[in-house]
Amino acid sequence: VQLVESGGGLVQAGGSLRLSCAASGSIARVNVMGWYRQAPGKQRELVATVTTGGSTNYADSVKGRFTISRDNAKNTVYLQMSSLNPEDTAVYYCTFGYLLYRPDYWGQGTQVTVSA
């Protein structure tokens, strides 16, 4: 499975960004896609996940600000990020797998920088 991310960039605090990630390859019908992030000097952490059935899961730090969604026909996952703050600055990684919290594949990462 290959994952191609897009949509990162620089935004001011309070602004919004939308990340996209398209999966290709041998993909089983039932799967989990998600986003993790890693800020400088910190461990990688879960941001959000979504199953093919539409069940979502969010880190407490992004609840109410970020929305994860997917288009199963396109094998694409999206992360709409709003009310961004500098603490959201990180490299965001798209993930794909078959068990929740256990990604099997990772994207190359896309940088999100939020300026104060």
Protein backbone atom coordinates (compact mmCIF):
# COMPACT_ATOMS: atom_id res chain seq x y z
CA VAL A 1 0.00 0.00 0.00
CA GLN A 2 1.30 3.43 -0.95
CA LEU A 3 0.14 6.63 0.72
CA VAL A 4 0.48 10.07 -0.85
CA GLU A 5 -0.23 13.07 1.35
CA SER A 6 -0.90 16.66 0.40
CA GLY A 7 -2.14 19.88 1.93
CA GLY A 8 0.42 20.84 4.54
CA GLY A 9 1.88 24.31 4.82
CA LEU A 10 2.19 27.45 6.88
CA VAL A 11 -0.84 29.07 8.50
CA GLN A 12 -1.42 31.70 11.14
CA ALA A 13 -2.89 30.83 14.51
CA GLY A 14 -6.65 30.57 14.28
CA GLY A 15 -6.50 29.51 10.68
CA SER A 16 -7.44 26.29 8.91
CA LEU A 17 -5.81 23.68 6.73
CA ARG A 18 -7.03 20.53 5.03
CA LEU A 19 -4.81 17.50 4.60
CA SER A 20 -5.51 14.74 2.09
CA CYS A 21 -4.05 11.29 1.70
CA ALA A 22 -4.70 8.84 -1.11
CA ALA A 23 -4.00 5.15 -0.70
CA SER A 24 -3.21 2.84 -3.56
CA GLY A 25 -2.18 -0.75 -4.00
CA SER A 26 -3.65 -3.94 -2.60
CA ILE A 27 -6.35 -2.63 -0.28
CA ALA A 28 -8.81 -4.77 1.60
CA ARG A 29 -12.34 -3.49 1.77
CA VAL A 30 -12.37 -3.09 5.56
CA ASN A 31 -9.56 -0.93 6.89
CA VAL A 32 -8.61 1.99 9.10
CA MET A 33 -7.01 5.19 7.90
CA GLY A 34 -5.76 7.94 10.11
CA TRP A 35 -3.36 10.71 10.93
CA TYR A 36 -0.53 10.86 13.42
CA ARG A 37 1.80 13.77 14.08
CA GLN A 38 5.24 14.37 15.49
CA ALA A 39 6.34 17.72 16.81
CA PRO A 40 10.02 18.61 17.24
CA GLY A 41 11.45 16.89 20.30
CA LYS A 42 8.27 14.97 20.99
CA GLN A 43 7.02 11.46 20.38
CA ARG A 44 4.72 10.65 17.53
CA GLU A 45 1.08 10.81 18.62
CA LEU A 46 -2.31 9.83 17.30
CA VAL A 47 -4.42 12.63 15.87
CA ALA A 48 -7.47 10.86 14.48
CA THR A 49 -8.64 7.66 12.82
CA VAL A 50 -11.60 6.65 10.69
CA THR A 51 -12.77 3.20 9.65
CA THR A 52 -14.37 2.23 6.36
CA GLY A 53 -17.64 2.14 8.30
CA GLY A 54 -17.21 5.77 9.32
CA SER A 55 -16.33 5.33 12.98
CA THR A 56 -13.98 8.06 14.14
CA ASN A 57 -11.58 8.53 17.00
CA TYR A 58 -9.76 11.71 18.05
CA ALA A 59 -7.01 12.77 20.39
CA ASP A 60 -8.40 14.94 23.18
CA SER A 61 -6.18 17.81 22.07
CA VAL A 62 -7.93 18.10 18.69
CA LYS A 63 -11.53 17.25 19.53
CA GLY A 64 -13.88 19.97 18.36
CA ARG A 65 -11.22 21.50 16.10
CA PHE A 66 -10.24 18.72 13.68
CA THR A 67 -12.52 16.56 11.57
CA ILE A 68 -11.44 13.36 9.88
CA SER A 69 -13.38 11.95 6.95
CA ARG A 70 -12.87 9.58 4.07
CA ASP A 71 -14.03 8.72 0.59
CA ASN A 72 -14.02 4.95 0.36
CA ALA A 73 -14.47 4.94 -3.40
CA LYS A 74 -11.24 6.93 -3.74
CA ASN A 75 -9.41 5.32 -0.80
CA THR A 76 -8.72 8.82 0.41
CA VAL A 77 -8.74 10.25 3.90
CA TYR A 78 -9.01 13.92 4.82
CA LEU A 79 -8.18 15.92 7.91
CA GLN A 80 -9.89 19.29 8.20
CA MET A 81 -8.04 21.32 10.81
CA SER A 82 -9.53 24.49 12.25
CA SER A 83 -8.67 26.88 15.06
CA LEU A 84 -5.04 25.91 14.64
CA ASN A 85 -2.55 26.97 17.27
CA PRO A 86 1.25 26.82 17.41
CA GLU A 87 1.08 23.59 19.44
CA ASP A 88 -0.35 21.91 16.33
CA THR A 89 2.94 22.47 14.50
CA ALA A 90 4.27 19.07 13.51
CA VAL A 91 4.89 16.67 10.69
CA TYR A 92 1.59 14.93 9.99
CA TYR A 93 1.65 11.33 8.82
CA CYS A 94 -1.13 9.49 7.05
CA THR A 95 -1.60 5.90 8.09
CA PHE A 96 -3.33 2.79 6.79
CA GLY A 97 -4.01 -0.49 8.52
CA TYR A 98 -6.47 -3.15 9.53
CA LEU A 99 -6.48 -2.75 13.29
CA LEU A 100 -7.26 0.39 15.25
CA TYR A 101 -4.12 1.99 16.71
CA ARG A 102 -1.86 -0.36 14.73
CA PRO A 103 -1.06 1.16 11.37
CA ASP A 104 0.67 -1.07 8.86
CA TYR A 105 1.68 1.65 6.43
CA TRP A 106 2.82 5.25 6.83
CA GLY A 107 2.98 8.16 4.44
CA GLN A 108 6.09 10.25 3.99
CA GLY A 109 4.72 13.04 6.17
CA THR A 110 3.65 16.59 5.47
CA GLN A 111 4.75 19.62 7.47
CA VAL A 112 2.16 21.80 9.17
CA THR A 113 3.48 24.99 10.72
CA VAL A 114 1.26 27.34 12.72
CA SER A 115 2.68 30.77 13.43
CA ALA A 116 1.66 32.78 16.47
